[in-house]
N, C-alpha and C. Protein backbone atom coordinates (compact mmCIF):
# COMPACT_ATOMS: atom_id res chain seq x y z
N MET A 1 0.85 -1.17 0.00
CA MET A 1 0.00 0.00 0.00
C MET A 1 0.90 1.23 0.00
N ALA A 2 0.71 2.09 -0.97
CA ALA A 2 1.52 3.31 -1.07
C ALA A 2 1.01 4.35 -0.08
N THR A 3 1.94 4.97 0.62
CA THR A 3 1.57 6.00 1.57
C THR A 3 1.55 7.35 0.87
N VAL A 4 0.52 8.13 1.14
CA VAL A 4 0.35 9.45 0.54
C VAL A 4 0.84 10.48 1.54
N ASN A 5 1.71 11.38 1.09
CA ASN A 5 2.25 12.39 2.01
C ASN A 5 1.47 13.69 1.99
N ARG A 6 1.12 14.17 0.84
CA ARG A 6 0.50 15.49 0.71
C ARG A 6 -0.93 15.36 0.21
N PRO A 7 -1.93 15.86 0.96
CA PRO A 7 -3.33 15.78 0.49
C PRO A 7 -3.58 16.72 -0.68
N GLN A 8 -4.39 16.28 -1.60
CA GLN A 8 -4.76 17.08 -2.77
C GLN A 8 -6.28 17.24 -2.80
N ILE A 9 -6.75 18.48 -2.87
CA ILE A 9 -8.19 18.73 -2.92
C ILE A 9 -8.76 18.09 -4.18
N GLY A 10 -9.87 17.36 -4.00
CA GLY A 10 -10.53 16.69 -5.11
C GLY A 10 -10.05 15.26 -5.32
N SER A 11 -8.98 14.87 -4.65
CA SER A 11 -8.47 13.50 -4.78
C SER A 11 -9.18 12.58 -3.79
N TRP A 12 -9.30 11.32 -4.18
CA TRP A 12 -9.93 10.30 -3.35
C TRP A 12 -8.86 9.40 -2.77
N TYR A 13 -9.08 8.96 -1.53
CA TYR A 13 -8.13 8.11 -0.83
C TYR A 13 -8.87 6.97 -0.14
N GLN A 14 -8.12 5.91 0.14
CA GLN A 14 -8.67 4.79 0.90
C GLN A 14 -7.74 4.52 2.07
N SER A 15 -8.33 4.38 3.26
CA SER A 15 -7.56 4.13 4.47
C SER A 15 -7.32 2.63 4.63
N GLU A 16 -6.52 2.27 5.63
CA GLU A 16 -6.27 0.86 5.93
C GLU A 16 -7.56 0.13 6.28
N SER A 17 -8.52 0.86 6.86
CA SER A 17 -9.80 0.24 7.23
C SER A 17 -10.79 0.22 6.06
N MET A 18 -10.28 0.51 4.84
CA MET A 18 -11.04 0.45 3.59
C MET A 18 -12.08 1.55 3.45
N GLU A 19 -12.02 2.59 4.29
CA GLU A 19 -12.92 3.72 4.14
C GLU A 19 -12.44 4.59 2.99
N GLN A 20 -13.38 5.02 2.16
CA GLN A 20 -13.05 5.88 1.03
C GLN A 20 -13.51 7.30 1.32
N PHE A 21 -12.67 8.27 0.98
CA PHE A 21 -13.03 9.66 1.22
C PHE A 21 -12.33 10.55 0.22
N GLU A 22 -12.87 11.78 0.12
CA GLU A 22 -12.32 12.79 -0.77
C GLU A 22 -11.84 13.97 0.08
N VAL A 23 -10.72 14.56 -0.30
CA VAL A 23 -10.27 15.77 0.36
C VAL A 23 -11.05 16.92 -0.25
N VAL A 24 -11.81 17.64 0.57
CA VAL A 24 -12.67 18.72 0.06
C VAL A 24 -12.16 20.10 0.41
N ALA A 25 -11.25 20.21 1.40
CA ALA A 25 -10.70 21.51 1.77
C ALA A 25 -9.36 21.31 2.45
N LEU A 26 -8.51 22.30 2.27
CA LEU A 26 -7.18 22.27 2.87
C LEU A 26 -6.86 23.68 3.35
N ASP A 27 -6.59 23.83 4.64
CA ASP A 27 -6.27 25.14 5.22
C ASP A 27 -4.82 25.12 5.69
N GLU A 28 -3.96 25.72 4.88
CA GLU A 28 -2.53 25.75 5.19
C GLU A 28 -2.25 26.49 6.50
N ASN A 29 -2.96 27.59 6.74
CA ASN A 29 -2.73 28.38 7.95
C ASN A 29 -3.10 27.62 9.22
N GLU A 30 -4.22 26.94 9.18
CA GLU A 30 -4.70 26.18 10.33
C GLU A 30 -4.10 24.77 10.39
N GLN A 31 -3.39 24.38 9.33
CA GLN A 31 -2.82 23.03 9.23
C GLN A 31 -3.92 21.97 9.38
N SER A 32 -5.06 22.20 8.68
CA SER A 32 -6.16 21.26 8.77
C SER A 32 -6.61 20.82 7.38
N ILE A 33 -7.19 19.63 7.36
CA ILE A 33 -7.68 19.02 6.13
C ILE A 33 -9.12 18.59 6.38
N GLU A 34 -10.01 18.97 5.49
CA GLU A 34 -11.41 18.55 5.61
C GLU A 34 -11.65 17.45 4.58
N ILE A 35 -12.18 16.33 5.06
CA ILE A 35 -12.46 15.21 4.17
C ILE A 35 -13.94 14.86 4.23
N GLN A 36 -14.44 14.27 3.13
CA GLN A 36 -15.82 13.80 3.10
C GLN A 36 -15.79 12.34 2.70
N TYR A 37 -16.33 11.50 3.57
CA TYR A 37 -16.40 10.07 3.31
C TYR A 37 -17.45 9.80 2.24
N PHE A 38 -17.36 8.63 1.63
CA PHE A 38 -18.30 8.25 0.58
C PHE A 38 -19.74 8.30 1.06
N ASN A 39 -19.98 8.02 2.34
CA ASN A 39 -21.36 8.04 2.86
C ASN A 39 -21.86 9.45 3.16
N GLY A 40 -21.00 10.47 2.97
CA GLY A 40 -21.42 11.85 3.16
C GLY A 40 -20.92 12.51 4.42
N ASP A 41 -20.43 11.72 5.38
CA ASP A 41 -19.91 12.29 6.62
C ASP A 41 -18.69 13.15 6.33
N VAL A 42 -18.58 14.28 7.03
CA VAL A 42 -17.46 15.20 6.87
C VAL A 42 -16.65 15.18 8.16
N GLU A 43 -15.32 15.21 8.00
CA GLU A 43 -14.44 15.20 9.17
C GLU A 43 -13.27 16.15 8.91
N GLU A 44 -12.80 16.77 9.96
CA GLU A 44 -11.63 17.64 9.86
C GLU A 44 -10.46 16.97 10.57
N LEU A 45 -9.34 16.90 9.89
CA LEU A 45 -8.13 16.29 10.45
C LEU A 45 -7.04 17.34 10.53
N ASP A 46 -6.15 17.19 11.49
CA ASP A 46 -4.99 18.07 11.48
C ASP A 46 -3.90 17.40 10.65
N LEU A 47 -2.94 18.17 10.22
CA LEU A 47 -1.91 17.68 9.32
C LEU A 47 -1.08 16.55 9.95
N ASP A 48 -0.86 16.62 11.27
CA ASP A 48 -0.11 15.56 11.96
C ASP A 48 -0.84 14.22 11.88
N THR A 49 -2.16 14.25 12.06
CA THR A 49 -2.96 13.02 11.96
C THR A 49 -2.89 12.47 10.54
N TRP A 50 -3.00 13.35 9.56
CA TRP A 50 -2.93 12.93 8.15
C TRP A 50 -1.63 12.19 7.87
N GLU A 51 -0.54 12.73 8.36
CA GLU A 51 0.78 12.14 8.08
C GLU A 51 0.96 10.78 8.75
N LEU A 52 0.21 10.50 9.82
CA LEU A 52 0.28 9.20 10.49
C LEU A 52 -0.57 8.13 9.81
N MET A 53 -1.51 8.56 8.97
CA MET A 53 -2.42 7.63 8.31
C MET A 53 -1.72 6.93 7.14
N SER A 54 -2.05 5.67 6.96
CA SER A 54 -1.55 4.92 5.81
C SER A 54 -2.66 4.92 4.76
N LEU A 55 -2.46 5.70 3.70
CA LEU A 55 -3.51 5.91 2.69
C LEU A 55 -3.03 5.52 1.31
N THR A 56 -4.00 5.17 0.48
CA THR A 56 -3.74 4.91 -0.93
C THR A 56 -4.63 5.84 -1.74
N GLU A 57 -4.07 6.51 -2.73
CA GLU A 57 -4.88 7.34 -3.61
C GLU A 57 -5.63 6.43 -4.56
N ILE A 58 -6.93 6.68 -4.72
CA ILE A 58 -7.78 5.83 -5.57
C ILE A 58 -8.54 6.69 -6.56
N GLN A 59 -9.18 6.04 -7.52
CA GLN A 59 -10.06 6.72 -8.46
C GLN A 59 -11.37 7.06 -7.74
N ALA A 60 -12.02 8.12 -8.18
CA ALA A 60 -13.32 8.49 -7.62
C ALA A 60 -14.31 7.36 -7.87
N PRO A 61 -15.19 7.06 -6.91
CA PRO A 61 -16.18 6.00 -7.10
C PRO A 61 -17.10 6.32 -8.28
N GLU A 62 -17.51 5.29 -9.00
CA GLU A 62 -18.43 5.49 -10.13
C GLU A 62 -19.84 5.78 -9.65
N ASP A 63 -20.21 5.23 -8.50
CA ASP A 63 -21.56 5.44 -7.96
C ASP A 63 -21.59 6.75 -7.19
N TRP A 64 -22.12 7.80 -7.82
CA TRP A 64 -22.14 9.13 -7.23
C TRP A 64 -23.17 9.27 -6.12
N SER A 65 -24.05 8.29 -5.93
CA SER A 65 -25.16 8.44 -5.00
C SER A 65 -24.80 8.08 -3.56
N GLY A 66 -23.57 7.69 -3.27
CA GLY A 66 -23.16 7.28 -1.92
C GLY A 66 -23.53 8.26 -0.83
N PRO A 67 -23.19 9.55 -0.95
CA PRO A 67 -23.51 10.48 0.12
C PRO A 67 -24.99 10.82 0.24
N PHE A 68 -25.79 10.40 -0.71
CA PHE A 68 -27.21 10.75 -0.72
C PHE A 68 -28.04 9.54 -0.34
N ASP A 69 -28.04 9.20 0.94
CA ASP A 69 -28.73 7.99 1.38
C ASP A 69 -30.24 8.10 1.36
N ASP A 70 -30.77 9.30 1.15
CA ASP A 70 -32.22 9.46 1.15
C ASP A 70 -32.81 9.53 -0.26
N LEU A 71 -32.04 9.12 -1.27
CA LEU A 71 -32.56 9.14 -2.63
C LEU A 71 -33.53 7.98 -2.85
N VAL A 72 -34.50 8.21 -3.69
CA VAL A 72 -35.41 7.15 -4.12
C VAL A 72 -35.25 7.00 -5.63
N ARG A 73 -35.81 5.94 -6.17
CA ARG A 73 -35.64 5.62 -7.59
C ARG A 73 -36.00 6.79 -8.50
N ASP A 74 -37.03 7.54 -8.16
CA ASP A 74 -37.47 8.66 -9.01
C ASP A 74 -36.43 9.78 -9.08
N ASP A 75 -35.54 9.87 -8.11
CA ASP A 75 -34.52 10.91 -8.11
C ASP A 75 -33.47 10.71 -9.20
N PHE A 76 -33.43 9.53 -9.78
CA PHE A 76 -32.45 9.24 -10.81
C PHE A 76 -32.93 9.57 -12.21
N GLY A 77 -34.08 10.19 -12.33
CA GLY A 77 -34.58 10.58 -13.65
C GLY A 77 -35.79 9.75 -14.04
N ASP A 78 -36.09 9.76 -15.31
CA ASP A 78 -37.24 9.05 -15.86
C ASP A 78 -36.96 7.56 -15.85
N THR A 79 -37.53 6.86 -14.88
CA THR A 79 -37.30 5.42 -14.77
C THR A 79 -38.49 4.62 -15.31
N GLU A 80 -39.56 5.30 -15.66
CA GLU A 80 -40.75 4.61 -16.14
C GLU A 80 -40.64 4.22 -17.62
N ARG A 81 -40.06 5.10 -18.40
CA ARG A 81 -40.00 4.86 -19.84
C ARG A 81 -38.55 4.77 -20.28
N PRO A 82 -38.13 3.61 -20.78
CA PRO A 82 -36.75 3.51 -21.25
C PRO A 82 -36.57 4.33 -22.53
N PHE A 83 -35.39 4.81 -22.74
CA PHE A 83 -35.07 5.57 -23.94
C PHE A 83 -34.65 4.63 -25.05
N HIS A 84 -35.18 4.87 -26.23
CA HIS A 84 -34.82 4.08 -27.39
C HIS A 84 -34.35 5.00 -28.49
N PRO A 85 -33.30 4.63 -29.19
CA PRO A 85 -32.78 5.51 -30.25
C PRO A 85 -33.83 5.89 -31.29
N GLN A 86 -34.77 5.02 -31.57
CA GLN A 86 -35.77 5.34 -32.58
C GLN A 86 -36.71 6.46 -32.11
N ASP A 87 -36.73 6.76 -30.81
CA ASP A 87 -37.55 7.85 -30.30
C ASP A 87 -36.86 9.21 -30.43
N TRP A 88 -35.58 9.21 -30.67
CA TRP A 88 -34.82 10.45 -30.73
C TRP A 88 -35.00 11.12 -32.07
N ALA A 89 -35.09 12.42 -32.07
CA ALA A 89 -35.21 13.18 -33.31
C ALA A 89 -33.82 13.37 -33.91
N SER A 90 -33.77 13.32 -35.21
CA SER A 90 -32.51 13.55 -35.90
C SER A 90 -32.27 15.05 -35.98
N PRO A 91 -31.03 15.52 -35.73
CA PRO A 91 -30.75 16.95 -35.84
C PRO A 91 -31.02 17.50 -37.24
N VAL A 92 -30.92 16.64 -38.24
CA VAL A 92 -31.15 17.07 -39.62
C VAL A 92 -32.62 17.44 -39.82
N GLU A 93 -33.52 16.82 -39.07
CA GLU A 93 -34.94 17.11 -39.21
C GLU A 93 -35.28 18.54 -38.80
N THR A 94 -34.46 19.15 -37.99
CA THR A 94 -34.75 20.51 -37.52
C THR A 94 -34.20 21.59 -38.44
N ILE A 95 -33.46 21.21 -39.46
CA ILE A 95 -32.88 22.18 -40.39
C ILE A 95 -33.87 22.45 -41.51
N GLU A 96 -34.15 23.73 -41.73
CA GLU A 96 -35.03 24.09 -42.83
C GLU A 96 -34.17 24.40 -44.04
N SER A 97 -34.62 23.95 -45.18
CA SER A 97 -33.82 24.13 -46.39
C SER A 97 -34.68 24.67 -47.51
N ASP A 98 -34.09 25.55 -48.33
CA ASP A 98 -34.76 26.06 -49.51
C ASP A 98 -34.41 25.23 -50.74
N ILE A 99 -33.55 24.28 -50.58
CA ILE A 99 -33.12 23.45 -51.71
C ILE A 99 -34.06 22.29 -51.87
N GLU A 100 -34.54 22.09 -53.09
CA GLU A 100 -35.39 20.95 -53.37
C GLU A 100 -34.59 19.93 -54.16
N ILE A 101 -34.67 18.70 -53.77
CA ILE A 101 -33.94 17.65 -54.45
C ILE A 101 -34.97 16.71 -55.06
N ASP A 102 -34.78 16.46 -56.36
CA ASP A 102 -35.66 15.55 -57.08
C ASP A 102 -34.95 14.20 -57.13
N LEU A 103 -35.47 13.24 -56.41
CA LEU A 103 -34.84 11.92 -56.36
C LEU A 103 -35.33 11.00 -57.46
N GLU A 104 -36.25 11.43 -58.29
CA GLU A 104 -36.81 10.59 -59.32
C GLU A 104 -36.07 10.66 -60.65
N GLU A 105 -34.93 11.29 -60.69
CA GLU A 105 -34.18 11.42 -61.95
C GLU A 105 -33.56 10.15 -62.39
């Protein structure tokens, strides 16, 4: 497990206990780091605590709904009607043209 020395705002990390979190704020003057766990909890750490932690930098989770535990299915958009390509309008259909083409030649 690679140890991370310097926190980067917007980067995601995983602790030894497998908790995933993002660094959301860094205050150089106060020597503090604000992190937000995947479940939405926010915690402030001092720089000394950060340096003692064994962390691995990871990719951001694909499931963006982690911090929003009160979401219901309807919050994800139109779930009643699936989208089909044949329902989509072609951008060419919206263009008006003065040119007439005779295809019967």
